[in-house]
Amino acid sequence: MVNLHQSIVVFEQPIMITNLDRILGPSDARILSSIIIQIFLLIQLRFLLLSFSLPT
């Protein structure tokens, strides 16, 4: 499960960077995209922890 989520984030990362590069400068876009990716990772980690803690 964790590897699947990480691979999806890795695939989304270059697309987000290129789209933000057109709007902002390259340095601002990299900072923004890294923050967005970290937020996505935190959300995915929270869902993973919730799914493990839920009684099945």
N, C-alpha and C. Protein backbone atom coordinates (compact mmCIF):
# COMPACT_ATOMS: atom_id res chain seq x y z
N MET A 1 0.83 -1.21 0.00
CA MET A 1 0.00 0.00 0.00
C MET A 1 0.87 1.26 0.00
N VAL A 2 1.88 1.29 0.86
CA VAL A 2 2.72 2.49 0.97
C VAL A 2 3.47 2.72 -0.34
N ASN A 3 3.99 1.65 -0.94
CA ASN A 3 4.73 1.79 -2.19
C ASN A 3 3.84 2.31 -3.31
N LEU A 4 2.59 1.87 -3.34
CA LEU A 4 1.65 2.32 -4.35
C LEU A 4 1.40 3.82 -4.22
N HIS A 5 1.17 4.29 -2.99
CA HIS A 5 0.94 5.72 -2.77
C HIS A 5 2.18 6.53 -3.15
N GLN A 6 3.35 6.05 -2.79
CA GLN A 6 4.57 6.79 -3.11
C GLN A 6 4.78 6.88 -4.62
N SER A 7 4.50 5.81 -5.35
CA SER A 7 4.70 5.83 -6.80
C SER A 7 3.73 6.81 -7.46
N ILE A 8 2.50 6.90 -6.96
CA ILE A 8 1.53 7.85 -7.51
C ILE A 8 2.02 9.28 -7.28
N VAL A 9 2.54 9.57 -6.10
CA VAL A 9 3.04 10.92 -5.80
C VAL A 9 4.23 11.25 -6.69
N VAL A 10 5.12 10.27 -6.91
CA VAL A 10 6.29 10.51 -7.76
C VAL A 10 5.86 10.82 -9.19
N PHE A 11 4.82 10.14 -9.68
CA PHE A 11 4.34 10.41 -11.04
C PHE A 11 3.69 11.78 -11.12
N GLU A 12 3.01 12.23 -10.08
CA GLU A 12 2.34 13.53 -10.11
C GLU A 12 3.32 14.69 -9.99
N GLN A 13 4.46 14.46 -9.36
CA GLN A 13 5.38 15.55 -9.04
C GLN A 13 5.90 16.32 -10.25
N PRO A 14 6.47 15.69 -11.30
CA PRO A 14 6.99 16.47 -12.42
C PRO A 14 5.91 17.24 -13.16
N ILE A 15 4.70 16.68 -13.26
CA ILE A 15 3.61 17.39 -13.94
C ILE A 15 3.28 18.68 -13.18
N MET A 16 3.20 18.60 -11.85
CA MET A 16 2.89 19.78 -11.05
C MET A 16 3.99 20.82 -11.18
N ILE A 17 5.26 20.39 -11.19
CA ILE A 17 6.37 21.33 -11.28
C ILE A 17 6.34 22.05 -12.62
N THR A 18 6.08 21.33 -13.72
CA THR A 18 6.08 21.97 -15.03
C THR A 18 4.91 22.95 -15.16
N ASN A 19 3.74 22.59 -14.61
CA ASN A 19 2.61 23.50 -14.68
C ASN A 19 2.86 24.77 -13.87
N LEU A 20 3.47 24.63 -12.70
CA LEU A 20 3.76 25.79 -11.87
C LEU A 20 4.90 26.62 -12.45
N ASP A 21 5.81 26.00 -13.19
CA ASP A 21 6.91 26.73 -13.80
C ASP A 21 6.39 27.77 -14.78
N ARG A 22 5.31 27.45 -15.48
CA ARG A 22 4.76 28.40 -16.45
C ARG A 22 4.13 29.60 -15.75
N ILE A 23 3.53 29.38 -14.58
CA ILE A 23 2.85 30.47 -13.87
C ILE A 23 3.85 31.28 -13.05
N LEU A 24 4.69 30.60 -12.28
CA LEU A 24 5.63 31.26 -11.38
C LEU A 24 7.05 31.05 -11.88
N GLY A 25 8.01 31.56 -11.12
CA GLY A 25 9.41 31.27 -11.41
C GLY A 25 9.73 29.84 -11.03
N PRO A 26 10.83 29.30 -11.56
CA PRO A 26 11.16 27.90 -11.28
C PRO A 26 11.43 27.62 -9.80
N SER A 27 12.08 28.55 -9.09
CA SER A 27 12.39 28.29 -7.68
C SER A 27 11.12 28.30 -6.83
N ASP A 28 10.22 29.29 -7.09
CA ASP A 28 8.96 29.33 -6.35
C ASP A 28 8.12 28.09 -6.62
N ALA A 29 8.13 27.63 -7.88
CA ALA A 29 7.33 26.46 -8.23
C ALA A 29 7.84 25.22 -7.51
N ARG A 30 9.16 25.07 -7.40
CA ARG A 30 9.71 23.88 -6.73
C ARG A 30 9.33 23.90 -5.24
N ILE A 31 9.41 25.07 -4.62
CA ILE A 31 9.06 25.17 -3.20
C ILE A 31 7.58 24.84 -3.01
N LEU A 32 6.73 25.43 -3.85
CA LEU A 32 5.29 25.20 -3.74
C LEU A 32 4.95 23.73 -3.96
N SER A 33 5.53 23.13 -5.01
CA SER A 33 5.20 21.74 -5.31
C SER A 33 5.68 20.81 -4.21
N SER A 34 6.83 21.10 -3.62
CA SER A 34 7.32 20.24 -2.54
C SER A 34 6.40 20.34 -1.33
N ILE A 35 5.90 21.55 -1.03
CA ILE A 35 4.96 21.71 0.08
C ILE A 35 3.67 20.94 -0.19
N ILE A 36 3.16 21.05 -1.45
CA ILE A 36 1.93 20.35 -1.81
C ILE A 36 2.12 18.84 -1.69
N ILE A 37 3.28 18.35 -2.16
CA ILE A 37 3.55 16.91 -2.10
C ILE A 37 3.64 16.45 -0.65
N GLN A 38 4.26 17.25 0.22
CA GLN A 38 4.35 16.88 1.63
C GLN A 38 2.98 16.82 2.27
N ILE A 39 2.09 17.75 1.91
CA ILE A 39 0.73 17.74 2.46
C ILE A 39 0.00 16.47 2.00
N PHE A 40 0.15 16.12 0.70
CA PHE A 40 -0.48 14.90 0.19
C PHE A 40 0.04 13.67 0.93
N LEU A 41 1.36 13.64 1.18
CA LEU A 41 1.94 12.49 1.88
C LEU A 41 1.39 12.40 3.30
N LEU A 42 1.24 13.54 3.97
CA LEU A 42 0.70 13.52 5.33
C LEU A 42 -0.74 13.01 5.33
N ILE A 43 -1.55 13.45 4.36
CA ILE A 43 -2.94 12.99 4.27
C ILE A 43 -2.97 11.49 4.02
N GLN A 44 -2.12 11.00 3.10
CA GLN A 44 -2.10 9.58 2.81
C GLN A 44 -1.65 8.78 4.02
N LEU A 45 -0.67 9.28 4.77
CA LEU A 45 -0.22 8.59 5.98
C LEU A 45 -1.34 8.52 7.00
N ARG A 46 -2.10 9.62 7.15
CA ARG A 46 -3.20 9.62 8.12
C ARG A 46 -4.25 8.60 7.74
N PHE A 47 -4.58 8.50 6.42
CA PHE A 47 -5.57 7.51 5.99
C PHE A 47 -5.05 6.10 6.19
N LEU A 48 -3.75 5.89 5.94
CA LEU A 48 -3.18 4.56 6.17
C LEU A 48 -3.26 4.19 7.64
N LEU A 49 -2.93 5.11 8.53
CA LEU A 49 -2.99 4.83 9.96
C LEU A 49 -4.43 4.57 10.40
N LEU A 50 -5.37 5.35 9.84
CA LEU A 50 -6.77 5.13 10.19
C LEU A 50 -7.24 3.76 9.73
N SER A 51 -6.84 3.36 8.53
CA SER A 51 -7.30 2.06 8.02
C SER A 51 -6.70 0.91 8.85
N PHE A 52 -5.47 1.09 9.36
CA PHE A 52 -4.88 0.05 10.19
C PHE A 52 -5.54 0.01 11.57
N SER A 53 -5.92 1.18 12.11
CA SER A 53 -6.45 1.22 13.47
C SER A 53 -7.93 0.81 13.51
N LEU A 54 -8.64 0.90 12.37
CA LEU A 54 -10.05 0.51 12.37
C LEU A 54 -10.18 -0.99 12.57
N PRO A 55 -11.13 -1.41 13.41
CA PRO A 55 -11.33 -2.85 13.61
C PRO A 55 -11.98 -3.47 12.38
N THR A 56 -11.44 -4.60 11.92
CA THR A 56 -11.99 -5.25 10.73
C THR A 56 -12.75 -6.52 11.13
